[in-house]
């Protein structure tokens, strides 16, 4: 009887952990923002993006903004005019792009 109870507890824990990871993955994807590159400034390590709302920063409307980049290699992946999906963040009070991919 005791081993059956232990098995049920373990199975429930695994199921809960799987659900949590799935939700976190979905939330991470939902943080991606649609945008379009208007300028890439490699020497300054900045990118200008016209983008839709960024709910996690309370931006309910789209803007055109200059972002820093967490990794300068990001800037080599895109050029002005590209439609993209990107992950914005705030680091030391500055808006930065931590991930970017061409929208396809």
PDB file of N, CA and C in Angstrom:
ATOM      1  N   UNK A   1       0.816  -1.186   0.000  1.00  0.00           N
ATOM      2  CA  UNK A   1       0.000   0.000   0.000  1.00  0.00           C
ATOM      3  C   UNK A   1       0.868   1.262   0.000  1.00  0.00           C
ATOM      4  N   UNK A   2       1.909   1.220   0.818  1.00  0.00           N
ATOM      5  CA  UNK A   2       2.787   2.383   0.923  1.00  0.00           C
ATOM      6  C   UNK A   2       3.514   2.667  -0.401  1.00  0.00           C
ATOM      7  N   UNK A   3       3.972   1.608  -1.105  1.00  0.00           N
ATOM      8  CA  UNK A   3       4.686   1.840  -2.358  1.00  0.00           C
ATOM      9  C   UNK A   3       3.749   2.376  -3.434  1.00  0.00           C
ATOM     10  N   UNK A   4       2.477   2.023  -3.389  1.00  0.00           N
ATOM     11  CA  UNK A   4       1.516   2.558  -4.358  1.00  0.00           C
ATOM     12  C   UNK A   4       1.307   4.054  -4.111  1.00  0.00           C
ATOM     13  N   UNK A   5       1.219   4.444  -2.857  1.00  0.00           N
ATOM     14  CA  UNK A   5       1.073   5.850  -2.504  1.00  0.00           C
ATOM     15  C   UNK A   5       2.299   6.637  -2.953  1.00  0.00           C
ATOM     16  N   UNK A   6       3.475   6.076  -2.752  1.00  0.00           N
ATOM     17  CA  UNK A   6       4.719   6.720  -3.181  1.00  0.00           C
ATOM     18  C   UNK A   6       4.732   6.875  -4.695  1.00  0.00           C
ATOM     19  N   UNK A   7       4.305   5.846  -5.414  1.00  0.00           N
ATOM     20  CA  UNK A   7       4.260   5.901  -6.874  1.00  0.00           C
ATOM     21  C   UNK A   7       3.306   6.995  -7.345  1.00  0.00           C
ATOM     22  N   UNK A   8       2.170   7.122  -6.694  1.00  0.00           N
ATOM     23  CA  UNK A   8       1.188   8.149  -7.060  1.00  0.00           C
ATOM     24  C   UNK A   8       1.762   9.541  -6.804  1.00  0.00           C
ATOM     25  N   UNK A   9       2.444   9.728  -5.690  1.00  0.00           N
ATOM     26  CA  UNK A   9       3.041  11.017  -5.365  1.00  0.00           C
ATOM     27  C   UNK A   9       4.123  11.369  -6.390  1.00  0.00           C
ATOM     28  N   UNK A  10       4.952  10.409  -6.738  1.00  0.00           N
ATOM     29  CA  UNK A  10       6.005  10.656  -7.730  1.00  0.00           C
ATOM     30  C   UNK A  10       5.391  10.983  -9.088  1.00  0.00           C
ATOM     31  N   UNK A  11       4.402  10.219  -9.506  1.00  0.00           N
ATOM     32  CA  UNK A  11       3.752  10.463 -10.798  1.00  0.00           C
ATOM     33  C   UNK A  11       3.096  11.843 -10.819  1.00  0.00           C
ATOM     34  N   UNK A  12       2.462  12.231  -9.734  1.00  0.00           N
ATOM     35  CA  UNK A  12       1.835  13.556  -9.655  1.00  0.00           C
ATOM     36  C   UNK A  12       2.881  14.657  -9.733  1.00  0.00           C
ATOM     37  N   UNK A  13       4.007  14.453  -9.075  1.00  0.00           N
ATOM     38  CA  UNK A  13       5.072  15.452  -9.101  1.00  0.00           C
ATOM     39  C   UNK A  13       5.651  15.604 -10.506  1.00  0.00           C
ATOM     40  N   UNK A  14       5.876  14.503 -11.195  1.00  0.00           N
ATOM     41  CA  UNK A  14       6.398  14.546 -12.556  1.00  0.00           C
ATOM     42  C   UNK A  14       5.415  15.260 -13.476  1.00  0.00           C
ATOM     43  N   UNK A  15       4.138  14.950 -13.330  1.00  0.00           N
ATOM     44  CA  UNK A  15       3.100  15.587 -14.151  1.00  0.00           C
ATOM     45  C   UNK A  15       3.063  17.096 -13.887  1.00  0.00           C
ATOM     46  N   UNK A  16       3.128  17.506 -12.629  1.00  0.00           N
ATOM     47  CA  UNK A  16       3.112  18.937 -12.292  1.00  0.00           C
ATOM     48  C   UNK A  16       4.341  19.638 -12.853  1.00  0.00           C
ATOM     49  N   UNK A  17       5.498  19.020 -12.763  1.00  0.00           N
ATOM     50  CA  UNK A  17       6.725  19.607 -13.292  1.00  0.00           C
ATOM     51  C   UNK A  17       6.648  19.742 -14.810  1.00  0.00           C
ATOM     52  N   UNK A  18       6.137  18.723 -15.477  1.00  0.00           N
ATOM     53  CA  UNK A  18       5.982  18.778 -16.931  1.00  0.00           C
ATOM     54  C   UNK A  18       5.058  19.922 -17.328  1.00  0.00           C
ATOM     55  N   UNK A  19       3.961  20.097 -16.623  1.00  0.00           N
ATOM     56  CA  UNK A  19       3.021  21.177 -16.910  1.00  0.00           C
ATOM     57  C   UNK A  19       3.687  22.533 -16.694  1.00  0.00           C
ATOM     58  N   UNK A  20       4.452  22.684 -15.629  1.00  0.00           N
ATOM     59  CA  UNK A  20       5.126  23.947 -15.330  1.00  0.00           C
ATOM     60  C   UNK A  20       6.125  24.305 -16.428  1.00  0.00           C
ATOM     61  N   UNK A  21       6.914  23.351 -16.871  1.00  0.00           N
ATOM     62  CA  UNK A  21       7.881  23.597 -17.935  1.00  0.00           C
ATOM     63  C   UNK A  21       7.163  23.981 -19.218  1.00  0.00           C
ATOM     64  N   UNK A  22       6.052  23.316 -19.510  1.00  0.00           N
ATOM     65  CA  UNK A  22       5.278  23.624 -20.716  1.00  0.00           C
ATOM     66  C   UNK A  22       4.725  25.046 -20.665  1.00  0.00           C
ATOM     67  N   UNK A  23       4.200  25.457 -19.535  1.00  0.00           N
ATOM     68  CA  UNK A  23       3.665  26.811 -19.375  1.00  0.00           C
ATOM     69  C   UNK A  23       4.783  27.837 -19.501  1.00  0.00           C
ATOM     70  N   UNK A  24       5.931  27.581 -18.879  1.00  0.00           N
ATOM     71  CA  UNK A  24       7.046  28.516 -18.970  1.00  0.00           C
ATOM     72  C   UNK A  24       7.516  28.652 -20.410  1.00  0.00           C
ATOM     73  N   UNK A  25       7.557  27.555 -21.142  1.00  0.00           N
ATOM     74  CA  UNK A  25       7.965  27.601 -22.544  1.00  0.00           C
ATOM     75  C   UNK A  25       6.974  28.430 -23.362  1.00  0.00           C
ATOM     76  N   UNK A  26       5.686  28.241 -23.110  1.00  0.00           N
ATOM     77  CA  UNK A  26       4.657  29.002 -23.812  1.00  0.00           C
ATOM     78  C   UNK A  26       4.772  30.485 -23.467  1.00  0.00           C
ATOM     79  N   UNK A  27       4.998  30.809 -22.205  1.00  0.00           N
ATOM     80  CA  UNK A  27       5.144  32.206 -21.808  1.00  0.00           C
ATOM     81  C   UNK A  27       6.367  32.821 -22.452  1.00  0.00           C
ATOM     82  N   UNK A  28       7.454  32.079 -22.525  1.00  0.00           N
ATOM     83  CA  UNK A  28       8.667  32.605 -23.156  1.00  0.00           C
ATOM     84  C   UNK A  28       8.401  32.922 -24.618  1.00  0.00           C
ATOM     85  N   UNK A  29       7.688  32.057 -25.311  1.00  0.00           N
ATOM     86  CA  UNK A  29       7.373  32.315 -26.705  1.00  0.00           C
ATOM     87  C   UNK A  29       6.442  33.510 -26.833  1.00  0.00           C
ATOM     88  N   UNK A  30       5.532  33.674 -25.879  1.00  0.00           N
ATOM     89  CA  UNK A  30       4.585  34.783 -25.975  1.00  0.00           C
ATOM     90  C   UNK A  30       5.266  36.128 -25.717  1.00  0.00           C
ATOM     91  N   UNK A  31       6.466  36.122 -25.156  1.00  0.00           N
ATOM     92  CA  UNK A  31       7.191  37.363 -24.930  1.00  0.00           C
ATOM     93  C   UNK A  31       7.865  37.864 -26.202  1.00  0.00           C
ATOM     94  N   UNK A  32       7.912  37.037 -27.226  1.00  0.00           N
ATOM     95  CA  UNK A  32       8.482  37.457 -28.505  1.00  0.00           C
ATOM     96  C   UNK A  32       7.562  38.522 -29.093  1.00  0.00           C
ATOM     97  N   UNK A  33       8.161  39.565 -29.632  1.00  0.00           N
ATOM     98  CA  UNK A  33       7.422  40.713 -30.153  1.00  0.00           C
ATOM     99  C   UNK A  33       7.666  40.809 -31.653  1.00  0.00           C
ATOM    100  N   UNK A  34       6.607  41.094 -32.416  1.00  0.00           N
ATOM    101  CA  UNK A  34       6.744  41.293 -33.858  1.00  0.00           C
ATOM    102  C   UNK A  34       7.319  42.674 -34.125  1.00  0.00           C
ATOM    103  N   UNK A  35       8.187  42.768 -35.112  1.00  0.00           N
ATOM    104  CA  UNK A  35       8.758  44.064 -35.439  1.00  0.00           C
ATOM    105  C   UNK A  35       9.373  44.077 -36.821  1.00  0.00           C
ATOM    106  N   UNK A  36       9.939  45.227 -37.154  1.00  0.00           N
ATOM    107  CA  UNK A  36      10.662  45.380 -38.403  1.00  0.00           C
ATOM    108  C   UNK A  36      11.915  46.197 -38.120  1.00  0.00           C
ATOM    109  N   UNK A  37      13.029  45.730 -38.645  1.00  0.00           N
ATOM    110  CA  UNK A  37      14.302  46.422 -38.458  1.00  0.00           C
ATOM    111  C   UNK A  37      14.298  47.683 -39.320  1.00  0.00           C
ATOM    112  N   UNK A  38      14.595  48.821 -38.704  1.00  0.00           N
ATOM    113  CA  UNK A  38      14.728  50.055 -39.476  1.00  0.00           C
ATOM    114  C   UNK A  38      16.184  50.481 -39.605  1.00  0.00           C
ATOM    115  N   UNK A  39      17.042  50.047 -38.654  1.00  0.00           N
ATOM    116  CA  UNK A  39      18.462  50.405 -38.715  1.00  0.00           C
ATOM    117  C   UNK A  39      19.272  49.434 -37.868  1.00  0.00           C
ATOM    118  N   UNK A  40      20.441  49.078 -38.370  1.00  0.00           N
ATOM    119  CA  UNK A  40      21.401  48.275 -37.614  1.00  0.00           C
ATOM    120  C   UNK A  40      22.668  49.113 -37.479  1.00  0.00           C
ATOM    121  N   UNK A  41      23.105  49.345 -36.248  1.00  0.00           N
ATOM    122  CA  UNK A  41      24.307  50.143 -35.990  1.00  0.00           C
ATOM    123  C   UNK A  41      25.307  49.255 -35.250  1.00  0.00           C
ATOM    124  N   UNK A  42      26.101  48.507 -36.027  1.00  0.00           N
ATOM    125  CA  UNK A  42      27.048  47.567 -35.415  1.00  0.00           C
ATOM    126  C   UNK A  42      28.087  48.244 -34.530  1.00  0.00           C
ATOM    127  N   UNK A  43      28.711  49.381 -34.958  1.00  0.00           N
ATOM    128  CA  UNK A  43      29.717  50.002 -34.080  1.00  0.00           C
ATOM    129  C   UNK A  43      29.150  50.405 -32.706  1.00  0.00           C
ATOM    130  N   UNK A  44      27.907  50.864 -32.684  1.00  0.00           N
ATOM    131  CA  UNK A  44      27.291  51.274 -31.411  1.00  0.00           C
ATOM    132  C   UNK A  44      26.612  50.114 -30.691  1.00  0.00           C
ATOM    133  N   UNK A  45      26.560  48.933 -31.348  1.00  0.00           N
ATOM    134  CA  UNK A  45      25.901  47.751 -30.788  1.00  0.00           C
ATOM    135  C   UNK A  45      24.431  48.031 -30.491  1.00  0.00           C
ATOM    136  N   UNK A  46      23.753  48.658 -31.498  1.00  0.00           N
ATOM    137  CA  UNK A  46      22.340  49.017 -31.330  1.00  0.00           C
ATOM    138  C   UNK A  46      21.546  48.642 -32.568  1.00  0.00           C
ATOM    139  N   UNK A  47      20.246  48.452 -32.358  1.00  0.00           N
ATOM    140  CA  UNK A  47      19.325  48.152 -33.443  1.00  0.00           C
ATOM    141  C   UNK A  47      18.058  48.972 -33.232  1.00  0.00           C
ATOM    142  N   UNK A  48      17.553  49.533 -34.318  1.00  0.00           N
ATOM    143  CA  UNK A  48      16.305  50.295 -34.248  1.00  0.00           C
ATOM    144  C   UNK A  48      15.203  49.416 -34.822  1.00  0.00           C
ATOM    145  N   UNK A  49      14.134  49.264 -34.050  1.00  0.00           N
ATOM    146  CA  UNK A  49      13.029  48.396 -34.432  1.00  0.00           C
ATOM    147  C   UNK A  49      11.697  49.134 -34.352  1.00  0.00           C
ATOM    148  N   UNK A  50      10.889  48.986 -35.382  1.00  0.00           N
ATOM    149  CA  UNK A  50       9.486  49.395 -35.326  1.00  0.00           C
ATOM    150  C   UNK A  50       8.768  48.148 -34.841  1.00  0.00           C
ATOM    151  N   UNK A  51       8.047  48.254 -33.730  1.00  0.00           N
ATOM    152  CA  UNK A  51       7.492  47.042 -33.119  1.00  0.00           C
ATOM    153  C   UNK A  51       6.074  47.251 -32.620  1.00  0.00           C
ATOM    154  N   UNK A  52       5.430  46.140 -32.361  1.00  0.00           N
ATOM    155  CA  UNK A  52       4.100  46.141 -31.777  1.00  0.00           C
ATOM    156  C   UNK A  52       4.189  46.329 -30.275  1.00  0.00           C
ATOM    157  N   UNK A  53       3.060  46.172 -29.587  1.00  0.00           N
ATOM    158  CA  UNK A  53       3.020  46.340 -28.133  1.00  0.00           C
ATOM    159  C   UNK A  53       3.995  45.408 -27.410  1.00  0.00           C
ATOM    160  N   UNK A  54       4.574  45.921 -26.338  1.00  0.00           N
ATOM    161  CA  UNK A  54       5.417  45.099 -25.458  1.00  0.00           C
ATOM    162  C   UNK A  54       4.740  45.141 -24.087  1.00  0.00           C
ATOM    163  N   UNK A  55       3.858  44.197 -23.859  1.00  0.00           N
ATOM    164  CA  UNK A  55       3.023  44.187 -22.653  1.00  0.00           C
ATOM    165  C   UNK A  55       3.836  44.139 -21.362  1.00  0.00           C
ATOM    166  N   UNK A  56       4.953  43.403 -21.365  1.00  0.00           N
ATOM    167  CA  UNK A  56       5.700  43.267 -20.111  1.00  0.00           C
ATOM    168  C   UNK A  56       6.330  44.578 -19.657  1.00  0.00           C
ATOM    169  N   UNK A  57       6.402  45.567 -20.556  1.00  0.00           N
ATOM    170  CA  UNK A  57       6.897  46.897 -20.185  1.00  0.00           C
ATOM    171  C   UNK A  57       5.776  47.927 -20.158  1.00  0.00           C
ATOM    172  N   UNK A  58       4.531  47.467 -20.219  1.00  0.00           N
ATOM    173  CA  UNK A  58       3.389  48.374 -20.173  1.00  0.00           C
ATOM    174  C   UNK A  58       3.200  49.184 -21.443  1.00  0.00           C
ATOM    175  N   UNK A  59       3.799  48.749 -22.529  1.00  0.00           N
ATOM    176  CA  UNK A  59       3.648  49.447 -23.815  1.00  0.00           C
ATOM    177  C   UNK A  59       2.470  48.820 -24.560  1.00  0.00           C
ATOM    178  N   UNK A  60       1.335  49.504 -24.527  1.00  0.00           N
ATOM    179  CA  UNK A  60       0.138  48.973 -25.156  1.00  0.00           C
ATOM    180  C   UNK A  60       0.038  49.307 -26.637  1.00  0.00           C
ATOM    181  N   UNK A  61       0.923  50.160 -27.107  1.00  0.00           N
ATOM    182  CA  UNK A  61       0.942  50.523 -28.518  1.00  0.00           C
ATOM    183  C   UNK A  61       2.341  50.289 -29.066  1.00  0.00           C
ATOM    184  N   UNK A  62       2.432  50.174 -30.376  1.00  0.00           N
ATOM    185  CA  UNK A  62       3.719  49.994 -31.010  1.00  0.00           C
ATOM    186  C   UNK A  62       4.528  51.281 -31.017  1.00  0.00           C
ATOM    187  N   UNK A  63       5.804  51.153 -31.175  1.00  0.00           N
ATOM    188  CA  UNK A  63       6.731  52.287 -31.222  1.00  0.00           C
ATOM    189  C   UNK A  63       7.859  51.961 -32.192  1.00  0.00           C
ATOM    190  N   UNK A  64       8.660  52.949 -32.470  1.00  0.00           N
ATOM    191  CA  UNK A  64       9.960  52.725 -33.080  1.00  0.00           C
ATOM    192  C   UNK A  64      10.970  53.101 -32.013  1.00  0.00           C
ATOM    193  N   UNK A  65      11.817  52.148 -31.667  1.00  0.00           N
ATOM    194  CA  UNK A  65      12.757  52.348 -30.561  1.00  0.00           C
ATOM    195  C   UNK A  65      14.143  51.839 -30.919  1.00  0.00           C
ATOM    196  N   UNK A  66      15.129  52.426 -30.275  1.00  0.00           N
ATOM    197  CA  UNK A  66      16.503  51.951 -30.374  1.00  0.00           C
ATOM    198  C   UNK A  66      16.746  51.029 -29.184  1.00  0.00           C
ATOM    199  N   UNK A  67      17.252  49.850 -29.457  1.00  0.00           N
ATOM    200  CA  UNK A  67      17.576  48.862 -28.436  1.00  0.00           C
ATOM    201  C   UNK A  67      19.070  48.575 -28.481  1.00  0.00           C
ATOM    202  N   UNK A  68      19.641  48.328 -27.325  1.00  0.00           N
ATOM    203  CA  UNK A  68      20.965  47.741 -27.291  1.00  0.00           C
ATOM    204  C   UNK A  68      20.814  46.254 -27.575  1.00  0.00           C
ATOM    205  N   UNK A  69      21.923  45.559 -27.689  1.00  0.00           N
ATOM    206  CA  UNK A  69      21.860  44.113 -27.887  1.00  0.00           C
ATOM    207  C   UNK A  69      22.704  43.427 -26.828  1.00  0.00           C
ATOM    208  N   UNK A  70      22.184  42.307 -26.360  1.00  0.00           N
ATOM    209  CA  UNK A  70      22.926  41.556 -25.348  1.00  0.00           C
ATOM    210  C   UNK A  70      24.160  40.915 -25.971  1.00  0.00           C
ATOM    211  N   UNK A  71      24.017  40.456 -27.221  1.00  0.00           N
ATOM    212  CA  UNK A  71      25.118  39.819 -27.938  1.00  0.00           C
ATOM    213  C   UNK A  71      25.258  40.499 -29.296  1.00  0.00           C
ATOM    214  N   UNK A  72      26.377  41.165 -29.573  1.00  0.00           N
ATOM    215  CA  UNK A  72      26.548  41.868 -30.848  1.00  0.00           C
ATOM    216  C   UNK A  72      26.376  40.986 -32.085  1.00  0.00           C
ATOM    217  N   UNK A  73      26.529  39.677 -31.943  1.00  0.00           N
ATOM    218  CA  UNK A  73      26.336  38.760 -33.072  1.00  0.00           C
ATOM    219  C   UNK A  73      24.900  38.820 -33.589  1.00  0.00           C
ATOM    220  N   UNK A  74      23.962  39.233 -32.735  1.00  0.00           N
ATOM    221  CA  UNK A  74      22.558  39.384 -33.133  1.00  0.00           C
ATOM    222  C   UNK A  74      22.453  40.309 -34.346  1.00  0.00           C
ATOM    223  N   UNK A  75      23.288  41.336 -34.363  1.00  0.00           N
ATOM    224  CA  UNK A  75      23.197  42.353 -35.420  1.00  0.00           C
ATOM    225  C   UNK A  75      23.587  41.820 -36.796  1.00  0.00           C
ATOM    226  N   UNK A  76      24.336  40.745 -36.832  1.00  0.00           N
ATOM    227  CA  UNK A  76      24.752  40.161 -38.108  1.00  0.00           C
ATOM    228  C   UNK A  76      23.646  39.300 -38.726  1.00  0.00           C
ATOM    229  N   UNK A  77      22.607  38.991 -37.959  1.00  0.00           N
ATOM    230  CA  UNK A  77      21.532  38.119 -38.427  1.00  0.00           C
ATOM    231  C   UNK A  77      20.473  38.853 -39.241  1.00  0.00           C
ATOM    232  N   UNK A  78      20.435  40.188 -39.130  1.00  0.00           N
ATOM    233  CA  UNK A  78      19.346  40.948 -39.743  1.00  0.00           C
ATOM    234  C   UNK A  78      19.869  42.205 -40.426  1.00  0.00           C
ATOM    235  N   UNK A  79      18.997  42.794 -41.258  1.00  0.00           N
ATOM    236  CA  UNK A  79      19.335  44.064 -41.914  1.00  0.00           C
ATOM    237  C   UNK A  79      18.073  44.917 -41.962  1.00  0.00           C
ATOM    238  N   UNK A  80      18.235  46.204 -42.261  1.00  0.00           N
ATOM    239  CA  UNK A  80      17.102  47.121 -42.350  1.00  0.00           C
ATOM    240  C   UNK A  80      16.081  46.561 -43.340  1.00  0.00           C
ATOM    241  N   UNK A  81      14.817  46.613 -42.929  1.00  0.00           N
ATOM    242  CA  UNK A  81      13.728  46.119 -43.758  1.00  0.00           C
ATOM    243  C   UNK A  81      13.251  44.731 -43.380  1.00  0.00           C
ATOM    244  N   UNK A  82      14.078  43.951 -42.660  1.00  0.00           N
ATOM    245  CA  UNK A  82      13.683  42.595 -42.267  1.00  0.00           C
ATOM    246  C   UNK A  82      12.540  42.627 -41.260  1.00  0.00           C
ATOM    247  N   UNK A  83      11.564  41.770 -41.472  1.00  0.00           N
ATOM    248  CA  UNK A  83      10.515  41.546 -40.474  1.00  0.00           C
ATOM    249  C   UNK A  83      11.055  40.505 -39.508  1.00  0.00           C
ATOM    250  N   UNK A  84      10.883  40.779 -38.215  1.00  0.00           N
ATOM    251  CA  UNK A  84      11.495  39.931 -37.191  1.00  0.00           C
ATOM    252  C   UNK A  84      10.530  39.672 -36.037  1.00  0.00           C
ATOM    253  N   UNK A  85      10.926  38.710 -35.215  1.00  0.00           N
ATOM    254  CA  UNK A  85      10.336  38.490 -33.891  1.00  0.00           C
ATOM    255  C   UNK A  85      11.516  38.584 -32.938  1.00  0.00           C
ATOM    256  N   UNK A  86      11.333  39.337 -31.850  1.00  0.00           N
ATOM    257  CA  UNK A  86      12.462  39.536 -30.942  1.00  0.00           C
ATOM    258  C   UNK A  86      12.020  39.479 -29.496  1.00  0.00           C
ATOM    259  N   UNK A  87      12.986  39.212 -28.641  1.00  0.00           N
ATOM    260  CA  UNK A  87      12.767  39.142 -27.200  1.00  0.00           C
ATOM    261  C   UNK A  87      13.390  40.371 -26.566  1.00  0.00           C
ATOM    262  N   UNK A  88      12.558  41.311 -26.094  1.00  0.00           N
ATOM    263  CA  UNK A  88      13.105  42.490 -25.419  1.00  0.00           C
ATOM    264  C   UNK A  88      13.309  42.231 -23.930  1.00  0.00           C
ATOM    265  N   UNK A  89      14.229  42.954 -23.354  1.00  0.00           N
ATOM    266  CA  UNK A  89      14.441  42.879 -21.912  1.00  0.00           C
ATOM    267  C   UNK A  89      14.940  44.242 -21.453  1.00  0.00           C
ATOM    268  N   UNK A  90      15.054  44.415 -20.163  1.00  0.00           N
ATOM    269  CA  UNK A  90      15.606  45.642 -19.606  1.00  0.00           C
ATOM    270  C   UNK A  90      16.794  45.241 -18.743  1.00  0.00           C
ATOM    271  N   UNK A  91      17.972  45.755 -19.095  1.00  0.00           N
ATOM    272  CA  UNK A  91      19.194  45.436 -18.371  1.00  0.00           C
ATOM    273  C   UNK A  91      19.826  46.752 -17.935  1.00  0.00           C
ATOM    274  N   UNK A  92      20.016  46.902 -16.635  1.00  0.00           N
ATOM    275  CA  UNK A  92      20.583  48.139 -16.073  1.00  0.00           C
ATOM    276  C   UNK A  92      19.824  49.370 -16.563  1.00  0.00           C
ATOM    277  N   UNK A  93      18.501  49.259 -16.650  1.00  0.00           N
ATOM    278  CA  UNK A  93      17.656  50.388 -17.052  1.00  0.00           C
ATOM    279  C   UNK A  93      17.584  50.625 -18.547  1.00  0.00           C
ATOM    280  N   UNK A  94      18.315  49.841 -19.340  1.00  0.00           N
ATOM    281  CA  UNK A  94      18.338  50.023 -20.792  1.00  0.00           C
ATOM    282  C   UNK A  94      17.538  48.910 -21.467  1.00  0.00           C
ATOM    283  N   UNK A  95      16.812  49.268 -22.522  1.00  0.00           N
ATOM    284  CA  UNK A  95      16.110  48.259 -23.299  1.00  0.00           C
ATOM    285  C   UNK A  95      17.105  47.549 -24.202  1.00  0.00           C
ATOM    286  N   UNK A  96      17.069  46.216 -24.183  1.00  0.00           N
ATOM    287  CA  UNK A  96      17.971  45.419 -25.003  1.00  0.00           C
ATOM    288  C   UNK A  96      17.196  44.295 -25.684  1.00  0.00           C
ATOM    289  N   UNK A  97      17.759  43.823 -26.784  1.00  0.00           N
ATOM    290  CA  UNK A  97      17.232  42.653 -27.468  1.00  0.00           C
ATOM    291  C   UNK A  97      18.112  41.482 -27.055  1.00  0.00           C
ATOM    292  N   UNK A  98      17.482  40.439 -26.516  1.00  0.00           N
ATOM    293  CA  UNK A  98      18.237  39.274 -26.083  1.00  0.00           C
ATOM    294  C   UNK A  98      18.181  38.143 -27.099  1.00  0.00           C
ATOM    295  N   UNK A  99      17.198  38.198 -28.002  1.00  0.00           N
ATOM    296  CA  UNK A  99      17.045  37.168 -29.019  1.00  0.00           C
ATOM    297  C   UNK A  99      16.310  37.798 -30.199  1.00  0.00           C
ATOM    298  N   UNK A 100      16.677  37.413 -31.418  1.00  0.00           N
ATOM    299  CA  UNK A 100      15.977  37.907 -32.592  1.00  0.00           C
ATOM    300  C   UNK A 100      15.972  36.825 -33.657  1.00  0.00           C
ATOM    301  N   UNK A 101      14.874  36.743 -34.394  1.00  0.00           N
ATOM    302  CA  UNK A 101      14.789  35.805 -35.501  1.00  0.00           C
ATOM    303  C   UNK A 101      13.967  36.434 -36.613  1.00  0.00           C
ATOM    304  N   UNK A 102      14.309  36.119 -37.833  1.00  0.00           N
ATOM    305  CA  UNK A 102      13.535  36.624 -38.950  1.00  0.00           C
ATOM    306  C   UNK A 102      12.151  35.992 -38.922  1.00  0.00           C
ATOM    307  N   UNK A 103      11.126  36.803 -39.151  1.00  0.00           N
ATOM    308  CA  UNK A 103       9.755  36.292 -39.191  1.00  0.00           C
ATOM    309  C   UNK A 103       9.575  35.576 -40.514  1.00  0.00           C
ATOM    310  N   UNK A 104       8.955  34.473 -40.480  1.00  0.00           N
ATOM    311  CA  UNK A 104       8.857  33.731 -41.730  1.00  0.00           C
ATOM    312  C   UNK A 104       7.574  33.090 -41.848  1.00  0.00           C
TER     313      UNK A 104
END
